[in-house]
């Protein structure tokens, strides 16, 4: 197992009977002398795996030890919660990577599984779910809506027998959870009771207005509590169905309606113009197919029309979550550029994930990838050629594709992906800024990027608190001469908490600050 020294900047909170106490750094905790205990920080290295339930460090006093919050006479017990504030990572130029890696489970599939389990009667089971910040938020929200959830190793057991809701629901910075859960509030038993629906500051900057308009037209009563077009919202009223049009800039609006509308009283028709990110909708439709839900789809010009009969039900199910091509994309590209037999396992090429297109793109650029049923074997490919890429269906690949473009002959055009500007950050801008600082020749367009083959040099770059940007810039740092320091490295917790451990295991020269 690969571990890192504990950085003095690592922040911890003490959880006491009075609630969360102010955060202190490791150095500050070690210097606290007024407390009647000492903290064995040797136990903290596993924090870098970021499990859903962090391990509790051992507590020592007068030779006695206590763990896990159990009370031992004469020992004041605490639990410590890791909260990373402005974590940084230093990446040094890497000559090659090698080894075997199992990619994390798909975030999109895991959260869809949680939401469908929330709406299904009986007990549903998800195996191989993603363990990350976003899924932790989704589980918390499902519990707030009345679900009984048991977390076991590599498995989630989910029992639900009816929706209810607490007066306040907070979906954090998870965009998919925010948009999928909002319509579900119109299906709860106590739908006449107002509920305050809020999210994190990062998510409040992302659009939700088009979904709110659609839901109000479908019977719900949603009001903005502060700024128009943003959470927090006051939500009440019943989702009854009907005829509605919704914006197609993000596929999550449509998917959220496709998930909830089969359960309402009326039949519904949903029209979407200029639908982006189509593979994510196909992923949702595959879930509906597997769960026996009826719907009808046709396309007229640039408009997709979905007819959804009401009064349907979801039955309990079991689902194994496949690996995440979005998270794997950085590993796949890194292996094509620096690999000495890298084996990437856990991927299902038959899954609906659009980001599996990264393999096809790399092959067209000249990469050689050995493809098997559930794994890839990759060695370094030289002489990759730039190309034009329509990235409309693969916005999460944009950061990694931008770095790939710096290593390909000629120019690489990444086009038709304006929705990349409304993710966790404006990814067209974040990658333009980051790669320019590293010496890349890159042009930012209104709907994409043009990247030219460039020699990269290490520098300090911003991670923009975006997991995809941080992972892509890590790859850039591996290719750059010298050292690259990336801020906001804690953003990886959103989808790939073990990213730095995996990269270090493959041979990447990195250090966490």
Protein backbone atom coordinates (compact mmCIF):
# COMPACT_ATOMS: atom_id res chain seq x y z
CA UNK A 1 0.00 0.00 0.00
CA UNK A 2 1.32 3.43 -0.92
CA UNK A 3 1.05 6.13 1.72
CA UNK A 4 2.22 9.70 2.14
CA UNK A 5 3.78 11.57 5.04
CA UNK A 6 1.22 13.62 6.91
CA UNK A 7 1.40 17.21 5.62
CA UNK A 8 1.34 19.80 8.43
CA UNK A 9 -1.38 21.66 6.51
CA UNK A 10 -3.85 18.76 6.78
CA UNK A 11 -6.87 20.11 8.62
CA UNK A 12 -8.81 18.14 11.21
CA UNK A 13 -11.96 18.85 13.17
CA UNK A 14 -12.73 17.48 16.57
CA UNK A 15 -16.26 16.11 16.87
CA UNK A 16 -17.44 16.51 20.45
CA UNK A 17 -20.81 16.49 22.19
CA UNK A 18 -21.02 20.17 21.41
CA UNK A 19 -20.72 19.49 17.68
CA UNK A 20 -17.95 20.34 15.25
CA UNK A 21 -15.13 22.37 16.74
CA UNK A 22 -12.86 24.73 14.78
CA UNK A 23 -10.46 23.08 12.37
CA UNK A 24 -6.82 22.77 13.37
CA UNK A 25 -3.87 21.64 11.30
CA UNK A 26 -1.90 18.54 12.17
CA UNK A 27 0.88 20.75 13.46
CA UNK A 28 -1.56 22.68 15.64
CA UNK A 29 -3.11 19.49 17.03
CA UNK A 30 0.32 18.18 17.88
CA UNK A 31 1.07 21.38 19.75
CA UNK A 32 -2.06 21.36 21.89
CA UNK A 33 -0.87 20.78 25.45
CA UNK A 34 -3.99 21.71 27.38
CA UNK A 35 -5.83 18.60 26.22
CA UNK A 36 -5.69 15.48 28.40
CA UNK A 37 -4.76 13.21 25.53
CA UNK A 38 -2.26 12.81 22.75
CA UNK A 39 -3.07 11.87 19.17
CA UNK A 40 -1.19 9.14 17.37
CA UNK A 41 -0.86 10.74 13.94
CA UNK A 42 0.78 7.62 12.52
CA UNK A 43 -2.75 6.32 12.04
CA UNK A 44 -3.66 9.23 9.79
CA UNK A 45 -1.89 8.13 6.60
CA UNK A 46 -5.01 6.28 5.49
CA UNK A 47 -6.87 9.57 5.30
CA UNK A 48 -5.45 9.85 1.83
CA UNK A 49 -7.75 7.03 0.75
CA UNK A 50 -10.69 9.23 1.82
CA UNK A 51 -13.15 6.47 2.82
CA UNK A 52 -16.78 7.34 3.49
CA UNK A 53 -16.18 6.77 7.20
CA UNK A 54 -12.69 8.03 8.04
CA UNK A 55 -10.63 5.92 10.44
CA UNK A 56 -10.40 7.24 13.96
CA UNK A 57 -6.82 7.80 15.10
CA UNK A 58 -5.82 6.10 18.31
CA UNK A 59 -5.91 8.17 21.48
CA UNK A 60 -3.40 7.65 24.24
CA UNK A 61 -3.23 8.65 27.89
CA UNK A 62 -1.05 7.25 30.67
CA UNK A 63 -0.35 4.12 28.67
CA UNK A 64 -4.02 3.38 28.03
CA UNK A 65 -5.34 3.29 24.49
CA UNK A 66 -8.81 3.73 23.11
CA UNK A 67 -10.16 3.58 19.60
CA UNK A 68 -13.34 4.11 17.65
CA UNK A 69 -14.99 6.36 20.20
CA UNK A 70 -15.43 3.72 22.94
CA UNK A 71 -15.25 5.09 26.44
CA UNK A 72 -12.33 4.05 28.57
CA UNK A 73 -12.14 5.22 32.16
CA UNK A 74 -9.91 8.25 32.53
CA UNK A 75 -9.63 8.90 28.82
CA UNK A 76 -11.31 11.80 27.04
CA UNK A 77 -12.30 10.31 23.70
CA UNK A 78 -12.71 12.20 20.46
CA UNK A 79 -13.26 11.55 16.80
CA UNK A 80 -11.34 13.48 14.20
CA UNK A 81 -12.78 14.36 10.84
CA UNK A 82 -10.34 15.18 8.00
CA UNK A 83 -11.22 18.32 6.07
CA UNK A 84 -8.69 19.28 3.48
CA UNK A 85 -8.35 23.02 2.99
CA UNK A 86 -6.29 24.18 0.00
CA UNK A 87 -4.32 20.95 -0.39
CA UNK A 88 -1.52 21.15 -2.93
CA UNK A 89 0.42 18.54 -4.87
CA UNK A 90 3.89 18.74 -6.44
CA UNK A 91 4.34 16.74 -9.64
CA UNK A 92 7.81 16.16 -11.08
CA UNK A 93 8.59 15.10 -14.64
CA UNK A 94 7.97 11.39 -15.02
CA UNK A 95 9.86 9.27 -17.55
CA UNK A 96 7.54 6.28 -17.54
CA UNK A 97 4.70 4.61 -15.66
CA UNK A 98 4.02 0.91 -15.25
CA UNK A 99 1.80 -1.43 -13.28
CA UNK A 100 -1.77 -2.56 -12.85
CA UNK A 101 -4.66 -0.39 -11.68
CA UNK A 102 -8.35 -0.93 -10.95
CA UNK A 103 -10.33 2.18 -11.88
CA UNK A 104 -13.00 3.53 -9.50
CA UNK A 105 -16.65 2.84 -10.20
CA UNK A 106 -18.69 5.19 -12.36
CA UNK A 107 -20.07 8.22 -10.54
CA UNK A 108 -22.88 8.63 -13.06
CA UNK A 109 -23.96 5.01 -12.71
CA UNK A 110 -23.59 4.92 -8.92
CA UNK A 111 -25.77 7.97 -8.33
CA UNK A 112 -28.34 6.77 -10.85
CA UNK A 113 -28.41 3.50 -8.92
CA UNK A 114 -28.97 5.33 -5.64
CA UNK A 115 -31.78 7.45 -7.08
CA UNK A 116 -33.56 4.49 -8.70
CA UNK A 117 -33.19 2.52 -5.45
CA UNK A 118 -34.74 5.47 -3.60
CA UNK A 119 -37.82 5.20 -5.83
CA UNK A 120 -38.04 1.40 -5.94
CA UNK A 121 -40.08 -0.65 -3.49
CA UNK A 122 -38.37 -3.33 -1.43
CA UNK A 123 -34.63 -3.85 -1.06
CA UNK A 124 -32.20 -2.94 -3.82
CA UNK A 125 -28.48 -3.73 -3.79
CA UNK A 126 -25.61 -1.91 -5.51
CA UNK A 127 -22.27 -3.71 -5.70
CA UNK A 128 -18.97 -2.01 -6.53
CA UNK A 129 -20.38 1.50 -5.91
CA UNK A 130 -18.13 4.54 -6.11
CA UNK A 131 -16.81 5.66 -2.75
CA UNK A 132 -16.39 9.42 -3.10
CA UNK A 133 -17.55 12.83 -1.95
CA UNK A 134 -20.41 12.99 -4.47
CA UNK A 135 -21.76 9.55 -3.58
CA UNK A 136 -21.52 10.33 0.13
CA UNK A 137 -23.69 13.39 -0.48
CA UNK A 138 -26.20 11.36 -2.52
CA UNK A 139 -26.46 8.74 0.25
CA UNK A 140 -27.03 11.45 2.85
CA UNK A 141 -29.82 12.98 0.75
CA UNK A 142 -31.48 9.60 0.16
CA UNK A 143 -31.51 9.02 3.91
CA UNK A 144 -33.08 12.44 4.38
CA UNK A 145 -35.85 11.27 2.03
CA UNK A 146 -36.61 8.24 4.18
CA UNK A 147 -34.32 5.55 2.81
CA UNK A 148 -32.71 2.96 5.06
CA UNK A 149 -29.20 2.37 3.76
CA UNK A 150 -26.65 -0.15 4.98
CA UNK A 151 -23.07 0.40 3.81
CA UNK A 152 -20.95 -2.72 3.57
CA UNK A 153 -17.63 -3.44 1.94
CA UNK A 154 -18.13 -2.94 -1.77
CA UNK A 155 -21.91 -3.04 -1.39
CA UNK A 156 -24.86 -0.76 -0.58
CA UNK A 157 -28.13 -2.28 0.64
CA UNK A 158 -31.03 0.07 0.12
CA UNK A 159 -34.55 -0.35 1.54
CA UNK A 160 -37.32 2.10 0.87
CA UNK A 161 -41.08 2.01 1.34
CA UNK A 162 -42.19 5.57 0.66
CA UNK A 163 -40.82 9.08 0.29
CA UNK A 164 -40.81 11.63 3.07
CA UNK A 165 -38.55 14.61 3.55
CA UNK A 166 -37.03 16.69 6.28
CA UNK A 167 -37.68 20.46 6.36
CA UNK A 168 -34.25 21.04 4.83
CA UNK A 169 -32.40 19.13 2.09
CA UNK A 170 -28.86 19.99 1.03
CA UNK A 171 -27.24 18.33 -1.98
CA UNK A 172 -23.79 19.87 -1.55
CA UNK A 173 -21.81 20.51 -4.71
CA UNK A 174 -23.06 17.44 -6.54
CA UNK A 175 -24.72 18.62 -9.74
CA UNK A 176 -26.22 15.25 -10.63
CA UNK A 177 -27.67 14.79 -7.13
CA UNK A 178 -29.09 18.31 -7.08
CA UNK A 179 -30.87 17.97 -10.41
CA UNK A 180 -32.04 14.37 -9.97
CA UNK A 181 -33.44 14.90 -6.46
CA UNK A 182 -35.35 18.15 -7.06
CA UNK A 183 -38.23 16.53 -9.08
CA UNK A 184 -38.42 13.70 -6.53
CA UNK A 185 -39.52 16.19 -3.87
CA UNK A 186 -42.76 16.40 -5.83
CA UNK A 187 -43.34 12.66 -5.31
CA UNK A 188 -43.14 12.63 -1.49
CA UNK A 189 -46.10 11.86 0.72
CA UNK A 190 -45.99 15.23 2.47
CA UNK A 191 -45.67 17.27 -0.74
CA UNK A 192 -47.83 20.09 0.67
CA UNK A 193 -45.26 20.73 3.37
CA UNK A 194 -42.66 23.30 2.23
CA UNK A 195 -39.04 22.17 2.19
CA UNK A 196 -35.92 24.28 1.80
CA UNK A 197 -33.76 22.80 -0.94
CA UNK A 198 -30.15 24.03 -0.97
CA UNK A 199 -26.72 23.08 -2.27
CA UNK A 200 -23.08 24.10 -1.98
CA UNK A 201 -21.62 27.40 -3.15
CA UNK A 202 -20.01 25.80 -6.21
CA UNK A 203 -23.30 24.25 -7.31
CA UNK A 204 -25.20 27.50 -6.73
CA UNK A 205 -23.14 29.02 -9.53
CA UNK A 206 -24.35 26.35 -11.96
CA UNK A 207 -27.68 26.66 -13.83
CA UNK A 208 -30.92 25.17 -12.54
CA UNK A 209 -33.53 27.70 -13.73
CA UNK A 210 -34.68 25.69 -16.77
CA UNK A 211 -35.41 22.67 -14.58
CA UNK A 212 -37.33 24.80 -12.05
CA UNK A 213 -39.51 26.26 -14.84
CA UNK A 214 -40.23 22.77 -16.19
CA UNK A 215 -41.16 21.41 -12.76
CA UNK A 216 -43.47 24.33 -12.03
CA UNK A 217 -45.21 23.59 -15.33
CA UNK A 218 -45.58 19.96 -14.23
CA UNK A 219 -47.42 20.81 -11.01
CA UNK A 220 -44.76 21.65 -8.44
CA UNK A 221 -44.51 25.01 -6.66
CA UNK A 222 -40.87 26.12 -6.46
CA UNK A 223 -39.72 29.59 -5.43
CA UNK A 224 -36.28 31.16 -5.23
CA UNK A 225 -35.42 32.21 -1.69
CA UNK A 226 -32.54 34.51 -2.59
CA UNK A 227 -31.29 34.95 -6.15
CA UNK A 228 -33.37 34.05 -9.21
CA UNK A 229 -32.02 31.00 -11.00
CA UNK A 230 -30.10 29.69 -8.00
CA UNK A 231 -30.58 27.67 -4.86
CA UNK A 232 -31.79 27.88 -2.14
CA UNK A 233 -35.34 27.03 -3.18
CA UNK A 234 -38.62 26.70 -1.32
CA UNK A 235 -40.20 23.53 -2.66
CA UNK A 236 -43.73 22.20 -2.27
CA UNK A 237 -46.49 20.82 -4.46
CA UNK A 238 -47.06 17.58 -6.30
CA UNK A 239 -45.37 16.49 -9.51
CA UNK A 240 -48.39 15.47 -11.60
CA UNK A 241 -46.99 15.31 -15.15
CA UNK A 242 -48.09 16.94 -18.39
CA UNK A 243 -46.57 18.47 -21.50
CA UNK A 244 -43.30 20.39 -21.04
CA UNK A 245 -40.19 21.62 -22.84
CA UNK A 246 -36.78 21.60 -21.13
CA UNK A 247 -33.39 23.00 -22.07
CA UNK A 248 -30.90 20.50 -23.53
CA UNK A 249 -27.66 22.26 -22.60
CA UNK A 250 -27.09 19.76 -19.81
CA UNK A 251 -28.46 16.23 -20.12
CA UNK A 252 -29.19 16.12 -16.39
CA UNK A 253 -32.41 18.13 -16.81
CA UNK A 254 -33.88 15.53 -19.15
CA UNK A 255 -32.59 12.57 -17.16
CA UNK A 256 -34.12 13.92 -13.96
CA UNK A 257 -37.54 14.10 -15.64
CA UNK A 258 -37.19 10.68 -17.26
CA UNK A 259 -36.52 9.19 -13.82
CA UNK A 260 -39.42 10.85 -11.95
CA UNK A 261 -42.24 11.19 -14.49
CA UNK A 262 -43.07 7.46 -14.84
CA UNK A 263 -44.33 7.60 -11.23
CA UNK A 264 -46.80 10.51 -11.58
CA UNK A 265 -50.55 10.40 -12.17
CA UNK A 266 -50.68 11.80 -15.70
CA UNK A 267 -48.98 10.82 -18.92
CA UNK A 268 -46.18 13.22 -19.86
CA UNK A 269 -44.50 14.56 -22.98
CA UNK A 270 -41.02 16.08 -22.69
CA UNK A 271 -39.52 18.04 -25.59
CA UNK A 272 -35.82 18.88 -25.71
CA UNK A 273 -34.18 21.07 -28.32
CA UNK A 274 -30.47 20.68 -29.18
CA UNK A 275 -29.80 17.94 -26.66
CA UNK A 276 -26.17 17.81 -25.49
CA UNK A 277 -24.38 14.95 -23.73
CA UNK A 278 -26.60 12.33 -25.36
CA UNK A 279 -24.75 9.27 -23.96
CA UNK A 280 -25.79 10.26 -20.43
CA UNK A 281 -29.43 10.21 -21.51
CA UNK A 282 -28.88 6.80 -23.12
CA UNK A 283 -27.48 5.66 -19.78
CA UNK A 284 -30.70 6.76 -18.04
CA UNK A 285 -32.85 5.07 -20.71
CA UNK A 286 -30.93 1.81 -20.23
CA UNK A 287 -31.86 1.92 -16.54
CA UNK A 288 -35.51 2.46 -17.50
CA UNK A 289 -35.35 -0.47 -19.90
CA UNK A 290 -33.79 -2.75 -17.31
CA UNK A 291 -36.43 -1.78 -14.74
CA UNK A 292 -39.33 -2.38 -17.14
CA UNK A 293 -40.41 1.26 -17.56
CA UNK A 294 -42.32 2.17 -20.72
CA UNK A 295 -41.50 5.29 -22.74
CA UNK A 296 -41.55 6.34 -26.40
CA UNK A 297 -38.90 8.43 -28.14
CA UNK A 298 -38.72 10.10 -31.51
CA UNK A 299 -36.63 12.87 -33.00
CA UNK A 300 -37.98 15.63 -35.23
CA UNK A 301 -35.18 17.77 -36.60
CA UNK A 302 -33.25 19.18 -33.62
CA UNK A 303 -36.00 18.26 -31.13
CA UNK A 304 -36.14 15.05 -29.11
CA UNK A 305 -39.62 14.06 -27.94
CA UNK A 306 -40.20 11.61 -25.08
CA UNK A 307 -43.66 10.28 -24.23
CA UNK A 308 -43.79 8.81 -20.73
CA UNK A 309 -46.88 6.99 -19.45
CA UNK A 310 -47.71 7.69 -15.81
CA UNK A 311 -48.71 5.40 -12.93
CA UNK A 312 -45.73 3.09 -13.38
CA UNK A 313 -43.60 1.67 -10.56
CA UNK A 314 -40.00 0.72 -9.93
CA UNK A 315 -39.25 -2.71 -8.49
CA UNK A 316 -36.28 -3.69 -6.38
CA UNK A 317 -33.11 -4.60 -8.27
CA UNK A 318 -29.46 -5.57 -8.01
CA UNK A 319 -26.81 -3.81 -10.05
CA UNK A 320 -23.03 -4.05 -10.29
CA UNK A 321 -21.56 -0.62 -11.07
CA UNK A 322 -18.92 -0.64 -13.84
CA UNK A 323 -15.67 1.33 -13.82
CA UNK A 324 -15.67 5.03 -14.66
CA UNK A 325 -14.30 5.94 -18.09
CA UNK A 326 -14.23 9.63 -17.13
CA UNK A 327 -11.84 8.95 -14.25
CA UNK A 328 -9.95 6.34 -16.27
CA UNK A 329 -9.35 8.76 -19.15
CA UNK A 330 -6.40 10.42 -17.44
CA UNK A 331 -4.84 7.00 -16.76
CA UNK A 332 -5.48 5.87 -20.33
CA UNK A 333 -3.91 8.98 -21.89
CA UNK A 334 -0.98 8.91 -19.45
CA UNK A 335 -0.35 5.27 -20.39
CA UNK A 336 -0.36 6.10 -24.11
CA UNK A 337 2.20 8.86 -23.52
CA UNK A 338 4.41 7.29 -20.83
CA UNK A 339 3.35 3.69 -20.39
CA UNK A 340 5.48 0.57 -20.08
CA UNK A 341 2.78 -2.07 -19.99
CA UNK A 342 0.07 -0.42 -17.92
CA UNK A 343 -2.91 -2.68 -17.25
CA UNK A 344 -6.18 -0.83 -16.56
CA UNK A 345 -8.92 -3.05 -15.16
CA UNK A 346 -12.59 -2.70 -14.24
CA UNK A 347 -13.94 -1.12 -17.43
CA UNK A 348 -16.97 -2.36 -19.35
CA UNK A 349 -16.79 -1.37 -23.01
CA UNK A 350 -20.45 -2.32 -23.45
CA UNK A 351 -21.59 0.25 -20.89
CA UNK A 352 -23.40 3.38 -22.10
CA UNK A 353 -20.74 5.78 -20.81
CA UNK A 354 -19.87 8.21 -23.57
CA UNK A 355 -16.36 8.78 -22.25
CA UNK A 356 -15.25 5.37 -23.49
CA UNK A 357 -14.80 7.36 -26.72
CA UNK A 358 -11.35 8.29 -25.37
CA UNK A 359 -10.12 4.92 -26.69
CA UNK A 360 -11.39 5.60 -30.20
CA UNK A 361 -9.91 9.13 -30.17
CA UNK A 362 -6.49 7.87 -29.10
CA UNK A 363 -6.52 5.12 -31.73
CA UNK A 364 -7.34 7.66 -34.45
CA UNK A 365 -4.42 9.79 -33.22
CA UNK A 366 -2.12 6.78 -33.62
CA UNK A 367 -2.09 5.10 -30.21
CA UNK A 368 -1.94 1.33 -29.85
CA UNK A 369 -4.25 -0.05 -27.17
CA UNK A 370 -4.89 -3.72 -26.50
CA UNK A 371 -8.57 -4.13 -25.65
CA UNK A 372 -9.96 -7.06 -23.71
CA UNK A 373 -13.35 -7.77 -22.15
CA UNK A 374 -12.77 -5.83 -18.92
CA UNK A 375 -9.27 -4.43 -19.20
CA UNK A 376 -6.86 -2.47 -21.36
CA UNK A 377 -3.14 -3.06 -21.81
CA UNK A 378 -1.30 0.04 -22.97
CA UNK A 379 2.28 0.88 -23.90
CA UNK A 380 3.74 4.20 -24.93
CA UNK A 381 2.80 5.35 -28.43
CA UNK A 382 5.01 7.87 -30.19
CA UNK A 383 4.08 10.17 -33.03
CA UNK A 384 0.49 10.89 -32.05
CA UNK A 385 -1.26 13.17 -34.52
CA UNK A 386 -3.57 16.09 -33.71
CA UNK A 387 -7.15 15.90 -34.93
CA UNK A 388 -10.56 17.58 -34.80
CA UNK A 389 -12.76 16.28 -31.97
CA UNK A 390 -16.48 16.93 -31.57
CA UNK A 391 -16.67 16.84 -27.77
CA UNK A 392 -20.39 17.61 -27.37
CA UNK A 393 -21.13 14.19 -25.92
CA UNK A 394 -17.94 13.98 -23.83
CA UNK A 395 -17.52 17.25 -21.86
CA UNK A 396 -15.76 15.50 -18.98
CA UNK A 397 -12.91 14.52 -21.32
CA UNK A 398 -12.11 18.13 -22.27
CA UNK A 399 -9.37 18.74 -19.66
CA UNK A 400 -7.53 15.51 -20.48
CA UNK A 401 -7.93 16.03 -24.23
CA UNK A 402 -6.40 19.50 -23.86
CA UNK A 403 -3.27 18.02 -22.27
CA UNK A 404 -3.18 15.29 -24.91
CA UNK A 405 -3.21 18.01 -27.56
CA UNK A 406 0.08 19.42 -26.26
CA UNK A 407 1.78 16.11 -27.11
CA UNK A 408 0.26 15.52 -30.57
CA UNK A 409 1.76 16.71 -33.84
CA UNK A 410 0.12 19.76 -35.41
CA UNK A 411 -3.02 21.01 -33.73
CA UNK A 412 -5.87 19.41 -31.85
CA UNK A 413 -9.30 21.02 -32.08
CA UNK A 414 -11.79 20.29 -29.28
CA UNK A 415 -15.09 21.73 -30.47
CA UNK A 416 -18.88 21.98 -29.90
CA UNK A 417 -18.64 21.66 -26.13
CA UNK A 418 -19.81 25.00 -24.74
CA UNK A 419 -21.45 23.17 -21.82
CA UNK A 420 -17.95 22.53 -20.44
CA UNK A 421 -18.21 26.09 -19.13
CA UNK A 422 -20.98 25.16 -16.66
CA UNK A 423 -19.35 22.24 -14.87
CA UNK A 424 -17.63 22.49 -11.47
CA UNK A 425 -15.71 25.30 -13.12
CA UNK A 426 -15.43 26.76 -16.61
CA UNK A 427 -13.19 24.00 -17.93
CA UNK A 428 -12.42 25.71 -21.21
CA UNK A 429 -11.03 28.62 -19.23
CA UNK A 430 -9.36 26.58 -16.46
CA UNK A 431 -7.40 24.49 -18.95
CA UNK A 432 -6.47 27.49 -21.07
CA UNK A 433 -5.08 29.28 -18.02
CA UNK A 434 -3.31 26.23 -16.60
CA UNK A 435 -1.69 25.05 -19.81
CA UNK A 436 -0.57 28.55 -20.80
CA UNK A 437 1.21 28.91 -17.47
CA UNK A 438 2.98 25.62 -18.27
CA UNK A 439 4.06 26.99 -21.66
CA UNK A 440 1.46 25.49 -23.97
CA UNK A 441 0.20 27.20 -27.10
CA UNK A 442 -3.58 27.08 -26.68
CA UNK A 443 -6.52 29.10 -27.98
CA UNK A 444 -9.80 29.41 -26.09
CA UNK A 445 -12.92 29.45 -28.27
CA UNK A 446 -16.50 30.14 -27.28
CA UNK A 447 -17.30 26.43 -27.57
CA UNK A 448 -13.93 24.72 -27.34
CA UNK A 449 -10.14 24.79 -27.49
CA UNK A 450 -7.41 24.65 -30.11
CA UNK A 451 -4.20 23.15 -28.75
CA UNK A 452 -0.82 22.93 -30.48
CA UNK A 453 2.10 20.60 -29.79
CA UNK A 454 4.08 22.27 -27.03
CA UNK A 455 7.03 21.75 -24.71
CA UNK A 456 5.73 22.08 -21.16
CA UNK A 457 7.69 23.56 -18.26
CA UNK A 458 6.79 23.15 -14.60
CA UNK A 459 5.13 26.05 -12.77
CA UNK A 460 2.50 26.87 -10.17
CA UNK A 461 -1.02 26.35 -11.52
CA UNK A 462 -4.56 26.61 -10.16
CA UNK A 463 -6.75 23.55 -9.85
CA UNK A 464 -9.92 25.71 -9.82
CA UNK A 465 -11.39 23.31 -7.22
CA UNK A 466 -12.35 21.00 -10.10
CA UNK A 467 -11.52 17.30 -10.00
CA UNK A 468 -11.18 16.97 -13.78
CA UNK A 469 -8.90 20.02 -14.04
CA UNK A 470 -6.68 18.80 -11.18
CA UNK A 471 -6.30 15.32 -12.70
CA UNK A 472 -5.54 16.72 -16.15
CA UNK A 473 -2.97 19.17 -14.80
CA UNK A 474 -1.37 16.29 -12.91
CA UNK A 475 -0.84 14.62 -16.27
CA UNK A 476 0.59 17.87 -17.64
CA UNK A 477 2.96 18.02 -14.66
CA UNK A 478 4.18 14.50 -15.45
CA UNK A 479 5.10 15.68 -18.96
CA UNK A 480 6.59 19.06 -18.00
CA UNK A 481 10.25 19.74 -17.30
CA UNK A 482 10.88 20.51 -13.64
CA UNK A 483 8.23 20.66 -10.94
CA UNK A 484 4.57 21.60 -11.20
CA UNK A 485 2.61 22.70 -8.14
CA UNK A 486 -1.18 22.33 -8.36
CA UNK A 487 -3.55 24.03 -5.92
CA UNK A 488 -7.00 22.74 -4.89
CA UNK A 489 -5.75 19.16 -5.15
CA UNK A 490 -8.44 18.09 -2.66
CA UNK A 491 -10.96 18.37 -5.51
CA UNK A 492 -10.16 14.77 -6.53
CA UNK A 493 -12.36 13.58 -3.64
CA UNK A 494 -15.41 14.29 -5.80
CA UNK A 495 -14.93 11.24 -8.03
CA UNK A 496 -11.46 9.66 -7.62
CA UNK A 497 -10.32 9.93 -3.98
CA UNK A 498 -7.37 7.57 -4.47
CA UNK A 499 -6.10 9.28 -7.61
CA UNK A 500 -2.74 10.38 -6.21
CA UNK A 501 -2.15 7.02 -4.54
CA UNK A 502 -2.86 5.25 -7.84
CA UNK A 503 -0.56 7.57 -9.77
CA UNK A 504 2.24 7.18 -7.25
CA UNK A 505 1.86 3.40 -7.40
CA UNK A 506 2.30 3.59 -11.19
CA UNK A 507 5.56 5.49 -10.72
CA UNK A 508 4.59 9.14 -10.85
CA UNK A 509 6.93 11.35 -8.84
CA UNK A 510 4.57 13.39 -6.66
CA UNK A 511 4.32 14.84 -3.17
CA UNK A 512 1.33 16.19 -1.29
CA UNK A 513 1.68 19.46 0.65
